[in-house]
Amino acid sequence: MFLALYSKYMLISVPFGIVLFVIFIVLESDDKAVQAFYCIYAIVTIIWTTVFLEHLKRSSSEKAVKWGQAELKEDEILRPQFEGKKR
């Protein structure tokens, strides 16, 4: 589920990165323009990451409800047959 969603979101991010990479190569002599593009790329990456993580949380919750795992307890039950050291 994670890789499928990540791949879909990379289709949004990769073209933007490639365009900026080409711009970096073309404008390598103008430092102020390159710094501006670095800032723009950083801001877009932050927004992209935030949107991706929020969508991942939402889709994970939807799948948990759909698969009947929303009320799943994650506590381990101590088994009386187990003979070992408690951690």
Foldseek 3Di string as FASTA:
>chain_A
DLVVLVVVLVVVVVVLVVVLVVVCVVPVPDPVVNVVSVVVNVVVVVVSVVVSVVVVVVVVCVVCVVVVNNPPDPDDDDDPVDDDDDD
